C-alpha atoms as a PDB file:
ATOM      1  CA  MET A   1      73.946 -23.982 -64.988  1.00  0.00           C
ATOM      2  CA  ASN A   2      72.022 -23.282 -68.188  1.00  0.00           C
ATOM      3  CA  PRO A   3      68.301 -22.610 -67.738  1.00  0.00           C
ATOM      4  CA  LEU A   4      65.954 -25.373 -68.841  1.00  0.00           C
ATOM      5  CA  ARG A   5      65.056 -24.899 -72.493  1.00  0.00           C
ATOM      6  CA  LEU A   6      61.273 -24.909 -72.959  1.00  0.00           C
ATOM      7  CA  PRO A   7      59.406 -26.112 -76.069  1.00  0.00           C
ATOM      8  CA  GLU A   8      58.365 -23.375 -78.462  1.00  0.00           C
ATOM      9  CA  TYR A   9      54.721 -23.527 -77.388  1.00  0.00           C
ATOM     10  CA  VAL A  10      55.638 -23.079 -73.702  1.00  0.00           C
ATOM     11  CA  SER A  11      56.503 -19.673 -72.255  1.00  0.00           C
ATOM     12  CA  ARG A  12      57.190 -18.490 -68.752  1.00  0.00           C
ATOM     13  CA  VAL A  13      54.676 -16.093 -67.177  1.00  0.00           C
ATOM     14  CA  GLU A  14      55.106 -13.959 -64.067  1.00  0.00           C
ATOM     15  CA  SER A  15      52.355 -13.571 -61.494  1.00  0.00           C
ATOM     16  CA  GLY A  16      51.400 -10.058 -62.664  1.00  0.00           C
ATOM     17  CA  ASP A  17      51.536 -10.723 -66.407  1.00  0.00           C
ATOM     18  CA  VAL A  18      48.263 -10.360 -68.301  1.00  0.00           C
ATOM     19  CA  PHE A  19      47.148 -12.844 -70.947  1.00  0.00           C
ATOM     20  CA  THR A  20      43.828 -13.452 -72.680  1.00  0.00           C
ATOM     21  CA  PHE A  21      42.156 -16.827 -72.442  1.00  0.00           C
ATOM     22  CA  SER A  22      38.765 -18.422 -71.940  1.00  0.00           C
ATOM     23  CA  CYS A  23      37.341 -21.911 -72.500  1.00  0.00           C
ATOM     24  CA  HIS A  24      33.639 -22.638 -73.039  1.00  0.00           C
ATOM     25  CA  PRO A  25      31.464 -24.830 -75.306  1.00  0.00           C
ATOM     26  CA  ALA A  26      31.394 -22.189 -78.075  1.00  0.00           C
ATOM     27  CA  VAL A  27      35.178 -22.348 -78.510  1.00  0.00           C
ATOM     28  CA  ARG A  28      35.969 -24.458 -81.595  1.00  0.00           C
ATOM     29  CA  CYS A  29      38.429 -26.736 -79.811  1.00  0.00           C
ATOM     30  CA  PHE A  30      36.151 -27.472 -76.840  1.00  0.00           C
ATOM     31  CA  THR A  31      37.199 -30.806 -75.228  1.00  0.00           C
ATOM     32  CA  ASP A  32      40.172 -31.272 -77.625  1.00  0.00           C
ATOM     33  CA  CYS A  33      42.475 -30.909 -74.614  1.00  0.00           C
ATOM     34  CA  CYS A  34      40.670 -33.879 -73.020  1.00  0.00           C
ATOM     35  CA  ARG A  35      42.157 -36.234 -75.590  1.00  0.00           C
ATOM     36  CA  GLU A  36      45.594 -37.525 -76.567  1.00  0.00           C
ATOM     37  CA  LEU A  37      47.066 -36.854 -73.121  1.00  0.00           C
ATOM     38  CA  GLU A  38      48.647 -38.524 -70.123  1.00  0.00           C
ATOM     39  CA  LEU A  39      46.894 -37.065 -67.122  1.00  0.00           C
ATOM     40  CA  ALA A  40      48.893 -37.527 -63.950  1.00  0.00           C
ATOM     41  CA  LEU A  41      46.803 -37.489 -60.784  1.00  0.00           C
ATOM     42  CA  THR A  42      47.808 -35.958 -57.479  1.00  0.00           C
ATOM     43  CA  PRO A  43      46.434 -37.290 -54.159  1.00  0.00           C
ATOM     44  CA  TYR A  44      44.047 -34.326 -53.939  1.00  0.00           C
ATOM     45  CA  ASP A  45      42.854 -35.054 -57.470  1.00  0.00           C
ATOM     46  CA  VAL A  46      41.906 -38.580 -56.400  1.00  0.00           C
ATOM     47  CA  LEU A  47      40.247 -37.280 -53.256  1.00  0.00           C
ATOM     48  CA  ARG A  48      38.003 -34.943 -55.258  1.00  0.00           C
ATOM     49  CA  LEU A  49      37.306 -37.449 -58.043  1.00  0.00           C
ATOM     50  CA  LYS A  50      36.362 -40.334 -55.775  1.00  0.00           C
ATOM     51  CA  ARG A  51      34.005 -37.982 -53.977  1.00  0.00           C
ATOM     52  CA  GLU A  52      32.535 -36.696 -57.252  1.00  0.00           C
ATOM     53  CA  THR A  53      31.977 -40.230 -58.533  1.00  0.00           C
ATOM     54  CA  GLN A  54      30.675 -41.356 -55.120  1.00  0.00           C
ATOM     55  CA  LEU A  55      33.112 -44.250 -55.011  1.00  0.00           C
ATOM     56  CA  THR A  56      35.447 -45.445 -52.308  1.00  0.00           C
ATOM     57  CA  SER A  57      39.100 -44.599 -52.932  1.00  0.00           C
ATOM     58  CA  SER A  58      39.924 -48.288 -53.506  1.00  0.00           C
ATOM     59  CA  THR A  59      37.166 -48.699 -56.086  1.00  0.00           C
ATOM     60  CA  PHE A  60      38.107 -45.479 -57.834  1.00  0.00           C
ATOM     61  CA  LEU A  61      41.774 -46.502 -58.059  1.00  0.00           C
ATOM     62  CA  GLU A  62      40.863 -49.944 -59.384  1.00  0.00           C
ATOM     63  CA  ARG A  63      38.364 -48.642 -61.948  1.00  0.00           C
ATOM     64  CA  TYR A  64      39.931 -45.446 -63.243  1.00  0.00           C
ATOM     65  CA  VAL A  65      43.619 -45.211 -62.338  1.00  0.00           C
ATOM     66  CA  ILE A  66      46.799 -46.681 -63.796  1.00  0.00           C
ATOM     67  CA  GLN A  67      49.764 -46.942 -61.432  1.00  0.00           C
ATOM     68  CA  GLU A  68      53.276 -46.863 -62.865  1.00  0.00           C
ATOM     69  CA  GLN A  69      56.759 -46.806 -61.368  1.00  0.00           C
ATOM     70  CA  GLU A  70      59.851 -46.784 -63.541  1.00  0.00           C
ATOM     71  CA  THR A  71      63.056 -48.206 -62.187  1.00  0.00           C
ATOM     72  CA  GLU A  72      64.556 -44.739 -61.657  1.00  0.00           C
ATOM     73  CA  ASP A  73      61.467 -43.290 -59.942  1.00  0.00           C
ATOM     74  CA  VAL A  74      61.456 -42.847 -56.167  1.00  0.00           C
ATOM     75  CA  PHE A  75      57.666 -42.551 -55.939  1.00  0.00           C
ATOM     76  CA  PRO A  76      54.957 -44.298 -57.943  1.00  0.00           C
ATOM     77  CA  ARG A  77      52.985 -42.261 -60.469  1.00  0.00           C
ATOM     78  CA  PHE A  78      49.234 -42.380 -61.043  1.00  0.00           C
ATOM     79  CA  TYR A  79      47.443 -41.633 -64.304  1.00  0.00           C
ATOM     80  CA  LEU A  80      43.785 -41.356 -65.210  1.00  0.00           C
ATOM     81  CA  THR A  81      42.540 -44.107 -67.488  1.00  0.00           C
ATOM     82  CA  MET A  82      41.905 -43.100 -71.118  1.00  0.00           C
ATOM     83  CA  VAL A  83      39.309 -44.628 -73.429  1.00  0.00           C
ATOM     84  CA  ASP A  84      40.539 -46.787 -76.318  1.00  0.00           C
ATOM     85  CA  ASP A  85      38.573 -44.810 -78.916  1.00  0.00           C
ATOM     86  CA  GLY A  86      41.405 -43.932 -81.282  1.00  0.00           C
ATOM     87  CA  GLN A  87      41.792 -40.530 -79.613  1.00  0.00           C
ATOM     88  CA  ALA A  88      42.878 -41.610 -76.118  1.00  0.00           C
ATOM     89  CA  SER A  89      39.972 -39.642 -74.687  1.00  0.00           C
ATOM     90  CA  CYS A  90      39.547 -39.005 -70.982  1.00  0.00           C
ATOM     91  CA  VAL A  91      37.179 -41.534 -69.464  1.00  0.00           C
ATOM     92  CA  PHE A  92      35.062 -38.666 -68.095  1.00  0.00           C
ATOM     93  CA  VAL A  93      34.715 -36.507 -71.228  1.00  0.00           C
ATOM     94  CA  ALA A  94      31.427 -36.440 -73.123  1.00  0.00           C
ATOM     95  CA  LYS A  95      30.079 -34.500 -76.096  1.00  0.00           C
ATOM     96  CA  ASN A  96      28.868 -31.712 -73.826  1.00  0.00           C
ATOM     97  CA  GLY A  97      32.048 -31.551 -71.774  1.00  0.00           C
ATOM     98  CA  CYS A  98      33.402 -32.972 -68.524  1.00  0.00           C
ATOM     99  CA  THR A  99      31.027 -35.240 -66.613  1.00  0.00           C
ATOM    100  CA  VAL A 100      32.919 -34.707 -63.336  1.00  0.00           C
ATOM    101  CA  TYR A 101      33.494 -30.982 -63.813  1.00  0.00           C
ATOM    102  CA  ASP A 102      33.131 -29.989 -60.148  1.00  0.00           C
ATOM    103  CA  GLY A 103      35.734 -32.599 -59.186  1.00  0.00           C
ATOM    104  CA  ARG A 104      37.989 -32.327 -62.231  1.00  0.00           C
ATOM    105  CA  PRO A 105      41.760 -32.676 -61.645  1.00  0.00           C
ATOM    106  CA  GLY A 106      43.987 -29.717 -60.978  1.00  0.00           C
ATOM    107  CA  ALA A 107      45.793 -30.090 -64.296  1.00  0.00           C
ATOM    108  CA  CYS A 108      42.478 -29.725 -66.133  1.00  0.00           C
ATOM    109  CA  ARG A 109      41.591 -26.653 -64.112  1.00  0.00           C
ATOM    110  CA  ALA A 110      44.980 -25.051 -64.690  1.00  0.00           C
ATOM    111  CA  TYR A 111      45.211 -25.646 -68.459  1.00  0.00           C
ATOM    112  CA  PRO A 112      46.663 -23.845 -70.405  1.00  0.00           C
ATOM    113  CA  MET A 113      48.653 -22.679 -67.399  1.00  0.00           C
ATOM    114  CA  GLY A 114      51.231 -24.823 -65.697  1.00  0.00           C
ATOM    115  CA  ARG A 115      52.515 -24.379 -62.153  1.00  0.00           C
ATOM    116  CA  ALA A 116      55.543 -25.858 -60.434  1.00  0.00           C
ATOM    117  CA  VAL A 117      57.118 -25.422 -57.048  1.00  0.00           C
ATOM    118  CA  MET A 118      60.811 -25.910 -56.366  1.00  0.00           C
ATOM    119  CA  ARG A 119      62.378 -26.386 -52.957  1.00  0.00           C
ATOM    120  CA  ARG A 120      64.955 -23.730 -52.013  1.00  0.00           C
ATOM    121  CA  GLU A 121      67.992 -24.369 -49.848  1.00  0.00           C
ATOM    122  CA  ASP A 122      66.190 -22.829 -46.863  1.00  0.00           C
ATOM    123  CA  SER A 123      63.343 -25.400 -47.316  1.00  0.00           C
ATOM    124  CA  THR A 124      60.862 -22.808 -48.592  1.00  0.00           C
ATOM    125  CA  PHE A 125      59.286 -23.247 -52.026  1.00  0.00           C
ATOM    126  CA  GLU A 126      59.498 -21.066 -55.122  1.00  0.00           C
ATOM    127  CA  GLU A 127      56.437 -20.904 -57.371  1.00  0.00           C
ATOM    128  CA  GLN A 128      56.805 -20.764 -61.175  1.00  0.00           C
ATOM    129  CA  PHE A 129      54.211 -20.537 -63.964  1.00  0.00           C
ATOM    130  CA  VAL A 130      54.171 -21.278 -67.689  1.00  0.00           C
ATOM    131  CA  LEU A 131      51.611 -20.961 -70.472  1.00  0.00           C
ATOM    132  CA  LEU A 132      51.076 -23.754 -72.980  1.00  0.00           C
ATOM    133  CA  LYS A 133      50.008 -22.230 -76.309  1.00  0.00           C
ATOM    134  CA  GLU A 134      49.323 -25.430 -78.233  1.00  0.00           C
ATOM    135  CA  SER A 135      48.288 -25.206 -81.885  1.00  0.00           C
ATOM    136  CA  HIS A 136      44.899 -26.839 -81.341  1.00  0.00           C
ATOM    137  CA  CYS A 137      43.817 -24.378 -78.625  1.00  0.00           C
ATOM    138  CA  HIS A 138      41.647 -21.451 -79.677  1.00  0.00           C
ATOM    139  CA  GLY A 139      41.016 -20.222 -76.143  1.00  0.00           C
ATOM    140  CA  PHE A 140      43.756 -17.616 -76.484  1.00  0.00           C
ATOM    141  CA  GLN A 141      41.659 -15.875 -79.119  1.00  0.00           C
ATOM    142  CA  GLU A 142      39.044 -15.056 -76.495  1.00  0.00           C
ATOM    143  CA  GLN A 143      39.342 -11.541 -75.076  1.00  0.00           C
ATOM    144  CA  VAL A 144      39.009 -12.378 -71.376  1.00  0.00           C
ATOM    145  CA  GLU A 145      41.996 -10.944 -69.500  1.00  0.00           C
ATOM    146  CA  GLN A 146      43.693 -13.221 -67.005  1.00  0.00           C
ATOM    147  CA  THR A 147      46.641 -13.263 -64.642  1.00  0.00           C
ATOM    148  CA  THR A 148      47.971 -16.334 -62.862  1.00  0.00           C
ATOM    149  CA  SER A 149      46.142 -15.251 -59.697  1.00  0.00           C
ATOM    150  CA  VAL A 150      42.855 -14.390 -61.383  1.00  0.00           C
ATOM    151  CA  TYR A 151      42.849 -17.628 -63.385  1.00  0.00           C
ATOM    152  CA  SER A 152      43.792 -19.740 -60.374  1.00  0.00           C
ATOM    153  CA  HIS A 153      40.950 -18.268 -58.297  1.00  0.00           C
ATOM    154  CA  GLY A 154      38.463 -18.622 -61.142  1.00  0.00           C
ATOM    155  CA  GLN A 155      39.317 -22.274 -61.711  1.00  0.00           C
ATOM    156  CA  GLY A 156      39.179 -23.213 -58.022  1.00  0.00           C
ATOM    157  CA  LEU A 157      42.872 -24.097 -57.939  1.00  0.00           C
ATOM    158  CA  LEU A 158      43.743 -22.783 -54.506  1.00  0.00           C
ATOM    159  CA  PRO A 159      42.991 -25.966 -52.515  1.00  0.00           C
ATOM    160  CA  TYR A 160      44.720 -28.048 -55.186  1.00  0.00           C
ATOM    161  CA  ASN A 161      47.850 -25.893 -54.927  1.00  0.00           C
ATOM    162  CA  PHE A 162      47.701 -26.000 -51.132  1.00  0.00           C
ATOM    163  CA  PHE A 163      47.684 -29.780 -50.941  1.00  0.00           C
ATOM    164  CA  ASN A 164      50.187 -30.181 -53.775  1.00  0.00           C
ATOM    165  CA  ASP A 165      52.609 -27.927 -51.910  1.00  0.00           C
ATOM    166  CA  LYS A 166      52.128 -29.940 -48.739  1.00  0.00           C
ATOM    167  CA  ILE A 167      52.908 -33.165 -50.628  1.00  0.00           C
ATOM    168  CA  ALA A 168      55.944 -31.494 -52.189  1.00  0.00           C
ATOM    169  CA  THR A 169      57.506 -31.530 -48.697  1.00  0.00           C
ATOM    170  CA  LEU A 170      57.653 -35.314 -49.143  1.00  0.00           C
ATOM    171  CA  LEU A 171      58.533 -35.498 -52.823  1.00  0.00           C
ATOM    172  CA  GLN A 172      61.290 -32.905 -52.533  1.00  0.00           C
ATOM    173  CA  HIS A 173      62.503 -33.788 -49.051  1.00  0.00           C
ATOM    174  CA  GLU A 174      66.233 -33.303 -48.526  1.00  0.00           C
ATOM    175  CA  ARG A 175      66.781 -37.027 -48.048  1.00  0.00           C
ATOM    176  CA  ILE A 176      65.071 -37.746 -51.360  1.00  0.00           C
ATOM    177  CA  ARG A 177      67.250 -35.130 -53.050  1.00  0.00           C
ATOM    178  CA  GLN A 178      70.278 -36.889 -51.554  1.00  0.00           C
ATOM    179  CA  GLY A 179      69.313 -40.172 -53.216  1.00  0.00           C
ATOM    180  CA  MET A 180      67.116 -41.958 -50.685  1.00  0.00           C
ATOM    181  CA  ARG A 181      65.049 -44.835 -52.078  1.00  0.00           C
ATOM    182  CA  LEU A 182      61.858 -46.236 -50.567  1.00  0.00           C
ATOM    183  CA  SER A 183      61.424 -49.812 -49.380  1.00  0.00           C
ATOM    184  CA  LYS A 184      58.455 -51.789 -50.664  1.00  0.00           C
ATOM    185  CA  GLU A 185      56.753 -51.277 -47.312  1.00  0.00           C
ATOM    186  CA  GLN A 186      57.327 -47.512 -47.402  1.00  0.00           C
ATOM    187  CA  THR A 187      55.975 -47.360 -50.954  1.00  0.00           C
ATOM    188  CA  CYS A 188      52.825 -49.195 -49.847  1.00  0.00           C
ATOM    189  CA  TYR A 189      52.366 -46.738 -46.988  1.00  0.00           C
ATOM    190  CA  PHE A 190      52.867 -43.819 -49.390  1.00  0.00           C
ATOM    191  CA  ILE A 191      50.085 -45.118 -51.668  1.00  0.00           C
ATOM    192  CA  LEU A 192      47.814 -45.926 -48.750  1.00  0.00           C
ATOM    193  CA  ALA A 193      48.067 -42.609 -46.917  1.00  0.00           C
ATOM    194  CA  LEU A 194      47.884 -40.352 -49.967  1.00  0.00           C
ATOM    195  CA  TYR A 195      45.829 -42.158 -52.612  1.00  0.00           C
ATOM    196  CA  ASP A 196      43.697 -44.733 -50.811  1.00  0.00           C
ATOM    197  CA  LEU A 197      42.253 -42.572 -48.060  1.00  0.00           C
ATOM    198  CA  ASP A 198      39.280 -44.758 -47.213  1.00  0.00           C
ATOM    199  CA  SER A 199      41.495 -47.785 -46.604  1.00  0.00           C
ATOM    200  CA  PHE A 200      43.918 -45.587 -44.651  1.00  0.00           C
ATOM    201  CA  ARG A 201      41.069 -44.421 -42.430  1.00  0.00           C
ATOM    202  CA  SER A 202      39.927 -48.005 -41.841  1.00  0.00           C
ATOM    203  CA  GLN A 203      43.407 -49.192 -40.879  1.00  0.00           C
ATOM    204  CA  LEU A 204      43.928 -46.207 -38.580  1.00  0.00           C
ATOM    205  CA  ASN A 205      40.657 -46.914 -36.833  1.00  0.00           C
ATOM    206  CA  ALA A 206      41.630 -50.570 -36.509  1.00  0.00           C
ATOM    207  CA  GLY A 207      44.960 -49.610 -34.952  1.00  0.00           C
ATOM    208  CA  SER A 208      46.880 -51.684 -37.488  1.00  0.00           C
ATOM    209  CA  LEU A 209      49.381 -49.063 -38.607  1.00  0.00           C
ATOM    210  CA  PRO A 210      52.718 -48.048 -37.013  1.00  0.00           C
ATOM    211  CA  GLN A 211      53.261 -44.804 -35.093  1.00  0.00           C
ATOM    212  CA  GLN A 212      49.748 -44.796 -33.672  1.00  0.00           C
ATOM    213  CA  HIS A 213      50.833 -42.225 -31.079  1.00  0.00           C
ATOM    214  CA  HIS A 214      50.608 -39.658 -33.887  1.00  0.00           C
ATOM    215  CA  TYR A 215      46.889 -40.385 -34.326  1.00  0.00           C
ATOM    216  CA  PRO A 216      44.837 -37.218 -33.855  1.00  0.00           C
ATOM    217  CA  GLU A 217      43.376 -36.846 -30.393  1.00  0.00           C
ATOM    218  CA  ASN A 218      40.070 -35.958 -32.001  1.00  0.00           C
ATOM    219  CA  LYS A 219      39.482 -39.062 -34.065  1.00  0.00           C
ATOM    220  CA  THR A 220      36.379 -37.600 -35.661  1.00  0.00           C
ATOM    221  CA  ALA A 221      38.704 -35.216 -37.521  1.00  0.00           C
ATOM    222  CA  CYS A 222      39.695 -38.106 -39.740  1.00  0.00           C
ATOM    223  CA  ASN A 223      36.121 -38.464 -40.960  1.00  0.00           C
ATOM    224  CA  ASP A 224      36.947 -35.410 -43.073  1.00  0.00           C
ATOM    225  CA  ASP A 225      38.925 -36.377 -46.203  1.00  0.00           C
ATOM    226  CA  GLU A 226      40.933 -33.153 -46.336  1.00  0.00           C
ATOM    227  CA  LYS A 227      41.944 -33.375 -42.687  1.00  0.00           C
ATOM    228  CA  LEU A 228      42.815 -37.043 -43.128  1.00  0.00           C
ATOM    229  CA  LEU A 229      45.019 -36.247 -46.130  1.00  0.00           C
ATOM    230  CA  LEU A 230      46.863 -33.597 -44.093  1.00  0.00           C
ATOM    231  CA  PHE A 231      47.312 -36.111 -41.318  1.00  0.00           C
ATOM    232  CA  GLY A 232      48.557 -38.676 -43.837  1.00  0.00           C
ATOM    233  CA  ILE A 233      51.208 -36.274 -45.084  1.00  0.00           C
ATOM    234  CA  ASP A 234      52.397 -35.639 -41.527  1.00  0.00           C
ATOM    235  CA  TRP A 235      52.267 -39.373 -40.721  1.00  0.00           C
ATOM    236  CA  LEU A 236      54.408 -40.150 -43.752  1.00  0.00           C
ATOM    237  CA  GLN A 237      57.066 -37.680 -42.607  1.00  0.00           C
ATOM    238  CA  GLY A 238      57.559 -40.041 -39.668  1.00  0.00           C
ATOM    239  CA  ILE A 239      57.260 -43.265 -41.659  1.00  0.00           C
ATOM    240  CA  LEU A 240      59.657 -42.159 -44.410  1.00  0.00           C
ATOM    241  CA  PHE A 241      62.032 -39.743 -42.670  1.00  0.00           C
ATOM    242  CA  LYS A 242      61.620 -40.520 -38.936  1.00  0.00           C
ATOM    243  CA  GLN A 243      60.405 -36.982 -38.246  1.00  0.00           C
END
């Protein structure tokens, strides 16, 4: 099998490779990367953003998120709303930068670095990194040395990577790879447990969801969004794959 051919501005980077990059208001292109983009949101992105905006998950999804699902997609996709200002600007970007910086999505934190995980035959995951050297970005002219590890730590990416890897156990499950499709009910449960945490919590507390025997013995644990998301991932293993 031929390796995937990457665009000219994208290059692979190993974990120990050194590159120079920094982004701050004095860089000429500051906030340019917050425009003309399709920003896909992970469940942990939504968790952090709804907390940062002090909204319930349902309100955040309704106000700021576009849900799409093409015919060939197994799982729905979620994108952050962009402003119709002629530049397709992020709804949270302002002249002075990001207004939700502490809760910004993982893709924003990682830029210009990209990270992917691929499921191996033994069910473990392989981590791969790339750098996106786009023509508009002047951050590479800064003389701050980075590695994938240093940059990830500095941008607070570790919890994002942790939860994304957990969710990859669903997205790259062997049954999905073999062609399994979700029913409408399963798709609704997927959205509920991963993206609409506050509604998921309410329905769990009301006892209105299947497989209640999996509910944590310590119900107060689900008052914590991160613990609830982990529970939701485990719960979906049973709902989707009978595990």
